[in-house]
Amino acid sequence: MAELQDVNGYTTIATEHDGIYLTVFPPSGKGRPVSIDIVKSELDKYGIEPVNTEVLVKAVSQPNGKPIKVANVDEHVFVEISSDEMNAKITVLPPSSEANQFTTIDDVRKVLARRKVVFGIDENKMAELGAKLAKIAATKDMSELVEMEIAFGIPMISGQDAQIVYVYKEALAKNQDTTPNQTEDGRVDYRAGHKIDNVTKGMVIARKIPVVKGVAGKTVTGKETPPLDGKDIELIPNKGVIISSENPFEYIADTDGQVIIKDQKISVMALYEIAGDVNFSTGNIDFIGTVVVKGDVKDGFKIHAGEDIIISGVVEGAELTAGGKITVVGGVSGNDKAKIVCKGDASIKYVRNAIVEVGGNLSIGQAIMHSKVTCDGKVAVAGQRGVIVGGQIIAGQEVSAGLIGSNFATNTEIIVGEVVSIREELQKIDTEIKSVAENLDKTKKGMLFLKELHTKLGGNLPADKKELLTKLTRAQFKLVADSKMLAERKAEFQKKEQESMTEKRHCRVVCTGVIYSGVKIIINKVMRQISEELKFCTLTEVDGEIKVGPLKG
């Protein structure tokens, strides 16, 4: 024998000419029987009032699948209201006999009022329903059943949560290069650091989209459905951030720096701090403000700062570039790979095997060894034991140290009285002049060859050679023009150099200890090779000679 499936009991409601009939079907297997509450709910949904409760109890207690009359048909209009009460449906039955009166639109309105459908009644549909009912009455059509959705509630509209749009991220993303960082030989550069969120003063960094309140709905029975309001978000402007005077929902950077968002506060910090070393864990650093490193800067890494750089440890074979000052507490040990560049002053414990370019003054705590240093101001190696040995030191105003050179006659060159920027520009111009001259010489030789060939061929130079001769002729005109322009630029910078030398007659080299033999001293383009030790002295240029005078403060 087949096992019974578990099916719950259920009901059907049917309208006959003499009344409303309810059929209750029993469950099978372990299914749940129909309860009297379910039956009442079904009847209420259609607005059917039972004859009495006893007939319902009988139908539920004897679920035999046979219809039982539970209500009389005293009207032919039924209203079905959806469970959420957001719409109402009209069903109009035809009369059971010609003697019965046909339903009118007024009858429909009375039933709607009795069922408390008071809101959202669609008058266009009511007019359409009225026309159908009038037609049925006119034609005495006793077979047509009319159904129509007649009333519609207004759904509740939920509010929208407030949002914070971080505008600066979108702006930075547009300008960000997404291609992998590579070295010159095409390999991936694992030293490339993560992008710091650098913003500039006046930049819109965030914009708040305010919370949107919800709108209440209404059911066809006139009940209001309360809305779900959106949630607000608080973002407090902190240090370096102001609210826009034109838009209270815009946050403006009040300084250059890094965006920090923490504890519902937004700040712009002009300082970027690394607690340890700059290495593979941090990558290279590129920051618009000041960079502070509590540890060392490891070999091969780079730091670029729009303001100052402060290093508590040692700089190995790394590159530092600052728009302001540079301080290296632990010194620079470069292995010929370190490069320190700043527009302001620099203070470094020691420099060994490195390139240093300073726009202001350079203060060294212990020594400069085998390095190339250029400085627009003064280079001072502190104390009687401060050492300059090997390499080249170029300063705009003064070089001072305790010991210069060594007793091994190590090649050491001190140059004072040159504006570094002018010197570098002149060197660049000389390089360009040399390149133009070489290209011009090659061009002239090529043109001479083609002209001789033209003569040998009796004026029948091939088309490709004619085209080449034309190109070389044009190139010659351009190179001659470039050569003239470079000569004029060189003359201009030489004039600036001469003017700067006139202003710097007080340039000097100060030694608080010993200048060893073999050291080359150049002051205002006047050179002196030190042939014997000099002690406790000041060197200056006077009338085209370098004079040795007593030590001056």
Protein backbone atom coordinates (compact mmCIF):
# COMPACT_ATOMS: atom_id res chain seq x y z
CA MET A 1 0.00 0.00 0.00
CA ALA A 2 1.39 3.39 -1.02
CA GLU A 3 2.31 5.68 1.86
CA LEU A 4 0.15 8.80 2.19
CA GLN A 5 1.85 12.14 1.47
CA ASP A 6 1.73 14.84 4.14
CA VAL A 7 -0.72 17.46 2.81
CA ASN A 8 -2.34 20.19 4.91
CA GLY A 9 -6.08 20.65 4.87
CA TYR A 10 -7.48 23.52 2.79
CA THR A 11 -10.69 25.38 1.92
CA THR A 12 -12.54 26.68 -1.11
CA ILE A 13 -15.30 29.29 -1.28
CA ALA A 14 -17.90 29.28 -4.06
CA THR A 15 -20.89 31.50 -4.77
CA GLU A 16 -24.10 29.84 -5.91
CA HIS A 17 -27.44 31.42 -6.73
CA ASP A 18 -28.79 30.74 -3.24
CA GLY A 19 -25.76 31.53 -1.13
CA ILE A 20 -22.04 31.21 -0.30
CA TYR A 21 -20.70 27.70 0.10
CA LEU A 22 -17.57 26.69 2.05
CA THR A 23 -15.80 23.42 1.40
CA VAL A 24 -13.22 22.15 3.91
CA PHE A 25 -10.89 19.42 2.76
CA PRO A 26 -9.24 17.15 5.35
CA PRO A 27 -5.45 16.76 5.61
CA SER A 28 -3.61 13.61 4.61
CA GLY A 29 -0.69 11.94 6.32
CA LYS A 30 0.75 14.24 8.98
CA GLY A 31 -0.66 17.40 7.41
CA ARG A 32 -2.30 20.09 9.58
CA PRO A 33 -6.11 20.38 9.61
CA VAL A 34 -7.90 23.65 8.78
CA SER A 35 -8.64 25.75 11.88
CA ILE A 36 -11.68 27.92 12.45
CA ASP A 37 -9.45 30.99 12.54
CA ILE A 38 -8.25 30.23 9.01
CA VAL A 39 -11.85 29.92 7.81
CA LYS A 40 -12.87 33.20 9.45
CA SER A 41 -9.87 34.94 7.90
CA GLU A 42 -10.78 33.68 4.42
CA LEU A 43 -14.39 34.78 4.74
CA ASP A 44 -13.39 38.16 6.16
CA LYS A 45 -11.04 38.73 3.23
CA TYR A 46 -14.02 38.63 0.89
CA GLY A 47 -16.34 40.47 3.26
CA ILE A 48 -18.57 37.43 3.80
CA GLU A 49 -20.53 37.32 7.04
CA PRO A 50 -21.46 33.75 8.04
CA VAL A 51 -25.02 32.81 9.06
CA ASN A 52 -23.69 31.82 12.48
CA THR A 53 -20.57 30.47 14.16
CA GLU A 54 -22.04 26.98 14.59
CA VAL A 55 -22.10 26.36 10.86
CA LEU A 56 -18.39 27.22 10.68
CA VAL A 57 -17.59 24.91 13.59
CA LYS A 58 -19.44 22.11 11.85
CA ALA A 59 -17.59 22.68 8.56
CA VAL A 60 -14.21 22.62 10.32
CA SER A 61 -14.98 19.68 12.63
CA GLN A 62 -16.30 17.58 9.72
CA PRO A 63 -13.82 18.27 6.88
CA ASN A 64 -15.33 15.87 4.35
CA GLY A 65 -14.78 17.84 1.18
CA LYS A 66 -18.50 18.59 0.81
CA PRO A 67 -19.74 22.19 0.40
CA ILE A 68 -21.70 23.73 3.30
CA LYS A 69 -23.76 26.86 2.94
CA VAL A 70 -22.29 29.44 5.35
CA ALA A 71 -23.88 32.71 4.12
CA ASN A 72 -26.81 33.97 2.14
CA VAL A 73 -26.43 36.01 -1.03
CA ASP A 74 -28.11 39.25 -0.15
CA GLU A 75 -25.90 41.26 -2.46
CA HIS A 76 -23.87 40.65 -5.56
CA VAL A 77 -20.86 42.89 -4.81
CA PHE A 78 -17.78 41.49 -3.08
CA VAL A 79 -14.65 43.39 -2.08
CA GLU A 80 -11.33 41.56 -1.70
CA ILE A 81 -8.71 43.56 0.20
CA SER A 82 -5.08 42.42 -0.12
CA SER A 83 -3.28 41.30 3.03
CA ASP A 84 -1.15 44.48 3.10
CA GLU A 85 -4.27 46.56 2.36
CA MET A 86 -2.52 48.23 -0.58
CA ASN A 87 -5.21 47.38 -3.10
CA ALA A 88 -8.89 46.39 -3.25
CA LYS A 89 -10.57 44.23 -5.88
CA ILE A 90 -14.28 44.38 -6.78
CA THR A 91 -16.21 41.32 -7.90
CA VAL A 92 -19.79 41.87 -9.16
CA LEU A 93 -21.98 38.80 -9.64
CA PRO A 94 -24.86 38.77 -12.10
CA PRO A 95 -28.35 38.46 -10.56
CA SER A 96 -29.66 34.92 -10.11
CA SER A 97 -32.89 35.77 -11.95
CA GLU A 98 -34.41 38.57 -13.99
CA ALA A 99 -36.54 39.42 -10.98
CA ASN A 100 -33.43 40.46 -9.04
CA GLN A 101 -32.21 44.01 -9.48
CA PHE A 102 -29.00 44.56 -11.44
CA THR A 103 -26.08 46.07 -9.52
CA THR A 104 -25.37 49.77 -9.98
CA ILE A 105 -22.21 51.79 -9.31
CA ASP A 106 -23.93 53.27 -6.23
CA ASP A 107 -24.27 49.73 -4.86
CA VAL A 108 -20.56 49.30 -5.36
CA ARG A 109 -19.78 52.53 -3.49
CA LYS A 110 -21.94 51.42 -0.54
CA VAL A 111 -20.13 48.11 -0.29
CA LEU A 112 -16.75 49.83 -0.51
CA ALA A 113 -17.78 52.16 2.31
CA ARG A 114 -19.03 49.22 4.40
CA ARG A 115 -15.72 47.42 3.91
CA LYS A 116 -13.94 50.71 4.88
CA VAL A 117 -12.25 51.16 1.51
CA VAL A 118 -11.95 54.94 1.78
CA PHE A 119 -8.64 55.83 0.11
CA GLY A 120 -7.10 55.46 -3.30
CA ILE A 121 -10.29 54.70 -5.18
CA ASP A 122 -9.56 55.07 -8.88
CA GLU A 123 -12.40 57.17 -10.27
CA ASN A 124 -11.48 56.35 -13.85
CA LYS A 125 -11.87 52.67 -13.09
CA MET A 126 -15.10 53.40 -11.22
CA ALA A 127 -16.40 55.13 -14.34
CA GLU A 128 -15.33 52.15 -16.44
CA LEU A 129 -17.06 49.78 -13.97
CA GLY A 130 -20.20 51.92 -13.98
CA ALA A 131 -20.38 51.74 -17.79
CA LYS A 132 -20.03 47.94 -17.70
CA LEU A 133 -22.75 47.57 -15.06
CA ALA A 134 -25.10 49.87 -17.01
CA LYS A 135 -24.52 47.80 -20.14
CA ILE A 136 -25.26 44.56 -18.27
CA ALA A 137 -28.50 46.03 -16.90
CA ALA A 138 -29.53 47.27 -20.36
CA THR A 139 -28.87 43.96 -22.09
CA LYS A 140 -30.21 41.86 -19.17
CA ASP A 141 -27.03 39.84 -19.38
CA MET A 142 -27.19 37.38 -16.47
CA SER A 143 -24.02 35.50 -17.28
CA GLU A 144 -21.20 38.05 -17.09
CA LEU A 145 -19.11 38.27 -13.91
CA VAL A 146 -17.20 41.54 -13.50
CA GLU A 147 -13.84 41.77 -11.67
CA MET A 148 -11.70 44.86 -11.39
CA GLU A 149 -8.99 46.29 -9.11
CA ILE A 150 -10.60 49.49 -7.95
CA ALA A 151 -8.51 51.06 -5.18
CA PHE A 152 -4.75 51.45 -4.67
CA GLY A 153 -2.82 52.52 -1.61
CA ILE A 154 0.37 54.58 -1.64
CA PRO A 155 3.39 52.48 -0.70
CA MET A 156 5.69 53.76 2.00
CA ILE A 157 9.01 55.09 0.62
CA SER A 158 12.01 54.21 2.75
CA GLY A 159 14.51 56.93 3.53
CA GLN A 160 18.09 56.89 2.30
CA ASP A 161 21.13 56.72 4.55
CA ALA A 162 23.52 59.64 4.53
CA GLN A 163 26.73 59.03 2.57
CA ILE A 164 30.23 60.45 2.60
CA VAL A 165 31.87 60.72 -0.82
CA TYR A 166 35.64 61.02 -0.48
CA VAL A 167 36.21 63.30 -3.46
CA TYR A 168 39.99 63.36 -3.08
CA LYS A 169 40.19 59.60 -3.74
CA GLU A 170 38.37 60.01 -7.05
CA ALA A 171 40.66 62.90 -8.02
CA LEU A 172 43.81 60.98 -7.09
CA ALA A 173 42.60 57.84 -8.87
CA LYS A 174 42.24 59.77 -12.15
CA ASN A 175 45.87 60.86 -12.01
CA GLN A 176 47.26 57.61 -10.67
CA ASP A 177 49.41 55.49 -12.95
CA THR A 178 48.16 51.92 -12.59
CA THR A 179 51.00 50.34 -14.58
CA PRO A 180 53.49 48.36 -12.49
CA ASN A 181 56.55 50.32 -11.34
CA GLN A 182 59.62 49.13 -13.23
CA THR A 183 63.35 49.69 -13.11
CA GLU A 184 65.26 50.94 -16.16
CA ASP A 185 65.96 47.38 -17.28
CA GLY A 186 62.25 46.48 -17.24
CA ARG A 187 62.10 44.59 -13.95
CA VAL A 188 59.38 45.20 -11.36
CA ASP A 189 60.50 47.78 -8.80
CA TYR A 190 59.65 46.25 -5.43
CA ARG A 191 60.84 49.43 -3.70
CA ALA A 192 57.92 51.40 -5.14
CA GLY A 193 55.82 52.47 -2.19
CA HIS A 194 52.08 52.67 -1.69
CA LYS A 195 50.48 55.91 -2.77
CA ILE A 196 50.11 58.45 0.01
CA ASP A 197 46.88 60.44 -0.18
CA ASN A 198 48.50 63.82 -0.82
CA VAL A 199 46.06 66.73 -1.09
CA THR A 200 46.62 70.45 -1.53
CA LYS A 201 45.16 73.42 0.31
CA GLY A 202 41.75 74.47 -1.02
CA MET A 203 40.98 71.04 -2.46
CA VAL A 204 37.51 69.52 -1.80
CA ILE A 205 38.37 66.30 0.00
CA ALA A 206 34.93 65.03 1.05
CA ARG A 207 31.29 65.73 0.36
CA LYS A 208 28.35 64.59 2.49
CA ILE A 209 25.13 63.48 0.86
CA PRO A 210 22.55 64.27 3.58
CA VAL A 211 20.14 61.71 4.96
CA VAL A 212 16.84 61.49 3.07
CA LYS A 213 13.74 61.04 5.21
CA GLY A 214 11.20 58.40 4.26
CA VAL A 215 7.68 59.17 3.06
CA ALA A 216 4.67 57.64 4.84
CA GLY A 217 2.32 55.45 2.85
CA LYS A 218 -1.43 54.93 3.10
CA THR A 219 -3.61 51.84 2.72
CA VAL A 220 -6.93 51.66 0.93
CA THR A 221 -8.58 51.53 4.37
CA GLY A 222 -6.98 54.88 5.26
CA LYS A 223 -4.26 53.64 7.57
CA GLU A 224 -0.91 55.43 7.41
CA THR A 225 2.19 53.23 7.11
CA PRO A 226 5.12 54.93 8.86
CA PRO A 227 8.33 55.21 6.82
CA LEU A 228 11.79 53.84 7.62
CA ASP A 229 14.00 56.88 7.88
CA GLY A 230 17.61 56.80 6.63
CA LYS A 231 20.51 56.74 9.09
CA ASP A 232 22.67 59.81 9.46
CA ILE A 233 26.49 59.81 9.41
CA GLU A 234 28.64 62.24 11.36
CA LEU A 235 31.96 63.45 9.93
CA ILE A 236 33.70 66.07 12.05
CA PRO A 237 36.25 68.43 10.46
CA ASN A 238 39.47 68.18 12.46
CA LYS A 239 42.95 69.70 12.11
CA GLY A 240 43.70 70.95 8.60
CA VAL A 241 40.08 70.71 7.42
CA ILE A 242 37.38 73.40 7.17
CA ILE A 243 33.75 73.44 6.04
CA SER A 244 33.11 75.19 2.74
CA SER A 245 31.53 78.62 3.10
CA GLU A 246 29.44 77.93 0.01
CA ASN A 247 28.30 74.39 0.82
CA PRO A 248 27.89 73.17 4.43
CA PHE A 249 28.27 69.58 3.23
CA GLU A 250 31.72 70.06 1.65
CA TYR A 251 34.98 69.52 3.54
CA ILE A 252 37.97 71.56 2.32
CA ALA A 253 41.68 70.96 2.94
CA ASP A 254 43.10 73.94 4.84
CA THR A 255 46.71 72.83 4.29
CA ASP A 256 48.80 70.57 2.08
CA GLY A 257 49.21 67.08 3.48
CA GLN A 258 47.86 63.59 4.03
CA VAL A 259 44.18 62.82 4.64
CA ILE A 260 43.54 60.96 7.92
CA ILE A 261 40.07 59.61 8.76
CA LYS A 262 39.67 58.27 12.29
CA ASP A 263 36.87 58.15 14.89
CA GLN A 264 34.42 60.01 12.62
CA LYS A 265 36.95 62.84 12.23
CA ILE A 266 38.68 63.92 9.03
CA SER A 267 42.06 65.67 9.19
CA VAL A 268 44.79 66.78 6.82
CA MET A 269 48.20 66.25 8.37
CA ALA A 270 51.22 68.09 6.97
CA LEU A 271 53.49 65.44 8.49
CA TYR A 272 54.00 61.80 7.49
CA GLU A 273 55.74 59.69 10.14
CA ILE A 274 57.33 56.27 9.78
CA ALA A 275 57.92 54.56 13.11
CA GLY A 276 60.77 52.37 11.87
CA ASP A 277 62.96 52.05 8.77
CA VAL A 278 62.20 52.93 5.17
CA ASN A 279 62.57 49.52 3.55
CA PHE A 280 60.54 46.98 1.56
CA SER A 281 57.72 47.15 4.12
CA THR A 282 57.17 50.87 3.41
CA GLY A 283 58.52 51.25 -0.11
CA ASN A 284 59.56 54.63 -1.44
CA ILE A 285 57.95 57.70 0.14
CA ASP A 286 56.43 60.57 -1.85
CA PHE A 287 54.69 63.09 0.40
CA ILE A 288 53.57 66.67 -0.08
CA GLY A 289 54.48 67.76 3.46
CA THR A 290 57.17 66.85 6.00
CA VAL A 291 58.46 63.26 6.32
CA VAL A 292 59.79 61.99 9.66
CA VAL A 293 61.59 58.63 9.79
CA LYS A 294 62.35 57.23 13.25
CA GLY A 295 64.74 54.61 11.88
CA ASP A 296 67.11 54.27 8.90
CA VAL A 297 66.62 54.73 5.16
CA LYS A 298 67.84 51.52 3.59
CA ASP A 299 69.88 51.08 0.44
CA GLY A 300 68.12 51.85 -2.85
CA PHE A 301 65.05 53.58 -1.39
CA LYS A 302 63.83 57.12 -2.09
CA ILE A 303 62.08 59.81 -0.07
CA HIS A 304 60.56 62.86 -1.72
CA ALA A 305 59.02 65.52 0.53
CA GLY A 306 57.39 68.79 -0.40
CA GLU A 307 58.60 70.25 2.92
CA ASP A 308 61.24 68.91 5.34
CA ILE A 309 62.81 65.48 5.83
CA ILE A 310 63.95 64.38 9.30
CA ILE A 311 65.82 61.06 9.66
CA SER A 312 66.64 59.80 13.15
CA GLY A 313 68.88 57.00 11.90
CA VAL A 314 71.34 56.49 9.04
CA VAL A 315 70.84 57.06 5.31
CA GLU A 316 72.46 54.28 3.33
CA GLY A 317 72.62 54.23 -0.50
CA ALA A 318 69.33 56.12 -0.72
CA GLU A 319 67.98 59.32 -2.27
CA LEU A 320 66.40 62.16 -0.30
CA THR A 321 64.76 65.14 -2.01
CA ALA A 322 63.12 67.92 0.03
CA GLY A 323 61.46 71.19 -0.82
CA GLY A 324 62.53 72.47 2.60
CA LYS A 325 65.23 71.34 5.05
CA ILE A 326 66.91 67.96 5.57
CA THR A 327 68.14 66.64 8.93
CA VAL A 328 69.97 63.31 9.20
CA VAL A 329 70.83 62.61 12.83
CA GLY A 330 72.76 59.42 12.10
CA GLY A 331 74.65 60.53 9.01
CA VAL A 332 74.90 59.44 5.37
CA SER A 333 76.93 56.42 4.29
CA GLY A 334 76.27 56.33 0.61
CA ASN A 335 78.42 53.67 -1.10
CA ASP A 336 78.52 56.11 -4.04
CA LYS A 337 74.74 55.73 -4.44
CA ALA A 338 73.35 58.20 -1.89
CA LYS A 339 72.04 61.55 -3.08
CA ILE A 340 70.76 64.27 -0.74
CA VAL A 341 69.00 67.27 -2.33
CA CYS A 342 67.14 70.09 -0.56
CA LYS A 343 66.15 73.69 -1.28
CA GLY A 344 66.65 74.79 2.31
CA ASP A 345 69.35 74.15 4.93
CA ALA A 346 70.72 70.71 5.75
CA SER A 347 72.11 69.29 8.99
CA ILE A 348 73.90 65.92 8.79
CA LYS A 349 76.16 64.13 11.28
CA TYR A 350 78.57 62.92 8.58
CA VAL A 351 78.65 62.35 4.81
CA ARG A 352 80.60 59.53 3.21
CA ASN A 353 80.66 58.58 -0.50
CA ALA A 354 77.56 60.60 -1.41
CA ILE A 355 76.26 63.51 -3.49
CA VAL A 356 74.83 66.41 -1.50
CA GLU A 357 73.08 69.44 -3.07
CA VAL A 358 71.89 72.13 -0.67
CA GLY A 359 70.05 75.36 -1.51
CA GLY A 360 70.76 76.95 1.89
CA ASN A 361 73.54 76.25 4.40
CA LEU A 362 75.04 72.84 5.19
CA SER A 363 76.01 71.95 8.74
CA ILE A 364 78.07 68.76 9.29
CA GLY A 365 78.66 67.35 12.76
CA GLN A 366 81.78 65.22 12.10
CA ALA A 367 83.10 64.79 8.56
CA ILE A 368 82.64 64.96 4.79
CA MET A 369 84.53 62.08 3.18
CA HIS A 370 85.00 61.35 -0.52
CA SER A 371 81.79 63.11 -1.51
CA LYS A 372 80.62 65.78 -3.92
CA VAL A 373 78.91 68.63 -2.11
CA THR A 374 77.32 71.72 -3.69
CA CYS A 375 75.85 74.42 -1.46
CA ASP A 376 74.51 77.89 -2.29
CA GLY A 377 75.35 79.16 1.20
CA LYS A 378 77.95 78.02 3.74
CA VAL A 379 79.42 74.57 4.41
CA ALA A 380 80.48 74.18 8.05
CA VAL A 381 82.06 71.02 9.48
CA ALA A 382 81.86 71.63 13.22
CA GLY A 383 84.74 71.90 15.63
CA GLN A 384 88.52 71.50 15.44
CA ARG A 385 88.10 67.80 14.66
CA GLY A 386 85.60 68.37 11.84
CA VAL A 387 87.08 66.76 8.70
CA ILE A 388 86.80 67.33 4.96
CA VAL A 389 88.78 64.69 3.09
CA GLY A 390 88.54 63.63 -0.56
CA GLY A 391 85.97 64.69 -3.13
CA GLN A 392 84.79 68.16 -4.04
CA ILE A 393 83.09 70.86 -1.96
CA ILE A 394 81.46 73.80 -3.80
CA ALA A 395 79.98 76.61 -1.70
CA GLY A 396 78.56 79.97 -2.61
CA GLN A 397 79.94 81.81 0.45
CA GLU A 398 82.20 79.85 2.78
CA VAL A 399 83.71 76.49 3.70
CA SER A 400 84.94 75.91 7.25
CA ALA A 401 86.40 72.81 8.92
CA GLY A 402 88.98 71.67 11.43
CA LEU A 403 90.97 69.41 9.08
CA ILE A 404 90.97 69.72 5.27
CA GLY A 405 92.62 66.96 3.22
CA SER A 406 94.94 64.38 4.79
CA ASN A 407 98.63 63.72 5.32
CA PHE A 408 98.35 61.17 2.48
CA ALA A 409 97.69 64.04 0.03
CA THR A 410 94.18 62.73 -0.75
CA ASN A 411 92.68 64.64 -3.69
CA THR A 412 90.46 67.25 -2.08
CA GLU A 413 89.01 70.28 -3.87
CA ILE A 414 87.38 73.27 -2.19
CA ILE A 415 85.56 75.79 -4.45
CA VAL A 416 84.04 78.96 -2.98
CA GLY A 417 82.31 81.90 -4.63
CA GLU A 418 80.23 80.16 -7.28
CA VAL A 419 76.48 80.22 -7.54
CA VAL A 420 75.79 76.53 -7.93
CA SER A 421 72.72 76.98 -10.08
CA ILE A 422 74.67 79.21 -12.54
CA ARG A 423 77.60 76.78 -12.59
CA GLU A 424 75.32 73.83 -13.33
CA GLU A 425 73.47 75.74 -16.05
CA LEU A 426 76.75 76.72 -17.73
CA GLN A 427 77.88 73.09 -17.64
CA LYS A 428 74.59 72.04 -19.20
CA ILE A 429 74.87 74.70 -21.91
CA ASP A 430 78.47 73.64 -22.70
CA THR A 431 77.30 70.04 -23.10
CA GLU A 432 74.52 71.13 -25.47
CA ILE A 433 76.91 73.36 -27.48
CA LYS A 434 79.28 70.43 -27.91
CA SER A 435 76.45 68.16 -29.08
CA VAL A 436 75.14 70.77 -31.57
CA ALA A 437 78.66 71.34 -32.94
CA GLU A 438 79.18 67.62 -33.49
CA ASN A 439 75.84 67.24 -35.28
CA LEU A 440 76.50 70.33 -37.38
CA ASP A 441 79.88 68.93 -38.45
CA LYS A 442 78.26 65.62 -39.47
CA THR A 443 75.54 67.47 -41.38
CA LYS A 444 78.02 69.60 -43.31
CA LYS A 445 80.09 66.54 -44.27
CA GLY A 446 76.94 64.73 -45.46
CA MET A 447 75.88 67.72 -47.56
CA LEU A 448 79.38 68.04 -49.07
CA PHE A 449 79.36 64.39 -50.08
CA LEU A 450 75.94 64.68 -51.74
CA LYS A 451 76.93 67.85 -53.62
CA GLU A 452 80.10 66.16 -54.96
CA LEU A 453 77.98 63.16 -56.01
CA HIS A 454 75.56 65.52 -57.74
CA THR A 455 78.46 66.96 -59.79
CA LYS A 456 79.86 63.52 -60.68
CA LEU A 457 76.44 62.36 -61.94
CA GLY A 458 76.07 65.41 -64.14
CA GLY A 459 73.25 66.85 -62.12
CA ASN A 460 71.22 63.61 -62.11
CA LEU A 461 71.14 62.95 -58.40
CA PRO A 462 68.74 60.05 -57.53
CA ALA A 463 65.41 61.03 -55.95
CA ASP A 464 66.22 59.51 -52.53
CA LYS A 465 69.56 61.38 -52.42
CA LYS A 466 67.84 64.63 -53.38
CA GLU A 467 65.37 64.14 -50.51
CA LEU A 468 68.25 63.43 -48.11
CA LEU A 469 70.09 66.58 -49.24
CA THR A 470 66.94 68.62 -48.59
CA LYS A 471 66.61 67.16 -45.08
CA LEU A 472 70.28 67.85 -44.31
CA THR A 473 69.93 71.42 -45.52
CA ARG A 474 66.97 72.00 -43.24
CA ALA A 475 68.83 70.36 -40.36
CA GLN A 476 71.81 72.64 -40.94
CA PHE A 477 69.66 75.77 -40.67
CA LYS A 478 68.14 74.51 -37.39
CA LEU A 479 71.51 73.54 -35.90
CA VAL A 480 73.00 76.93 -36.80
CA ALA A 481 70.03 78.63 -35.10
CA ASP A 482 70.39 76.37 -32.04
CA SER A 483 74.11 77.13 -31.85
CA LYS A 484 73.43 80.89 -31.90
CA MET A 485 70.73 80.57 -29.23
CA LEU A 486 73.01 78.52 -26.96
CA ALA A 487 75.82 81.03 -27.37
CA GLU A 488 73.48 83.81 -26.31
CA ARG A 489 72.33 81.83 -23.27
CA LYS A 490 75.92 81.11 -22.30
CA ALA A 491 76.80 84.79 -22.52
CA GLU A 492 73.77 85.63 -20.37
CA PHE A 493 74.75 83.21 -17.62
CA GLN A 494 78.40 84.22 -17.78
CA LYS A 495 77.25 87.79 -17.14
CA LYS A 496 75.19 86.59 -14.15
CA GLU A 497 78.22 84.69 -12.90
CA GLN A 498 80.41 87.79 -13.16
CA GLU A 499 77.81 89.86 -11.31
CA SER A 500 77.60 87.26 -8.54
CA MET A 501 81.40 87.20 -8.18
CA THR A 502 81.44 90.98 -7.79
CA GLU A 503 78.95 90.63 -4.94
CA LYS A 504 80.92 87.84 -3.23
CA ARG A 505 84.27 89.38 -2.50
CA HIS A 506 83.97 88.19 1.11
CA CYS A 507 83.99 84.49 0.19
CA ARG A 508 86.50 82.49 2.22
CA VAL A 509 87.83 79.15 3.43
CA VAL A 510 88.25 78.89 7.21
CA CYS A 511 90.43 76.21 8.85
CA THR A 512 90.44 75.82 12.64
CA GLY A 513 93.09 73.08 12.43
CA VAL A 514 95.20 71.98 9.46
CA ILE A 515 94.95 72.25 5.67
CA TYR A 516 97.15 69.46 4.31
CA SER A 517 99.31 69.71 1.22
CA GLY A 518 97.70 68.51 -1.99
CA VAL A 519 94.41 70.31 -1.31
CA LYS A 520 93.21 72.53 -4.17
CA ILE A 521 91.52 75.77 -3.12
CA ILE A 522 89.51 77.88 -5.62
CA ILE A 523 88.00 81.18 -4.49
CA ASN A 524 86.18 83.39 -7.01
CA LYS A 525 87.76 81.31 -9.80
CA VAL A 526 91.28 81.90 -8.48
CA MET A 527 93.08 78.64 -7.75
CA ARG A 528 95.82 77.76 -5.26
CA GLN A 529 97.35 74.33 -4.78
CA ILE A 530 98.40 73.90 -1.16
CA SER A 531 102.05 72.75 -1.19
CA GLU A 532 102.69 72.81 2.55
CA GLU A 533 100.50 72.51 5.60
CA LEU A 534 98.58 75.57 6.74
CA LYS A 535 97.23 75.90 10.27
CA PHE A 536 94.58 78.04 11.98
CA CYS A 537 94.02 80.28 8.97
CA THR A 538 91.51 82.06 6.75
CA LEU A 539 91.92 82.01 2.96
CA THR A 540 90.44 84.79 0.82
CA GLU A 541 90.83 86.07 -2.75
CA VAL A 542 92.47 89.47 -3.07
CA ASP A 543 93.27 91.04 -6.45
CA GLY A 544 93.44 87.74 -8.28
CA GLU A 545 95.46 85.91 -5.58
CA ILE A 546 94.49 83.67 -2.68
CA LYS A 547 95.85 85.17 0.49
CA VAL A 548 96.42 83.25 3.74
CA GLY A 549 95.47 85.24 6.79
CA PRO A 550 94.95 84.59 10.49
CA LEU A 551 91.99 82.60 11.76
CA LYS A 552 88.91 84.81 11.91
CA GLY A 553 85.63 84.17 13.60
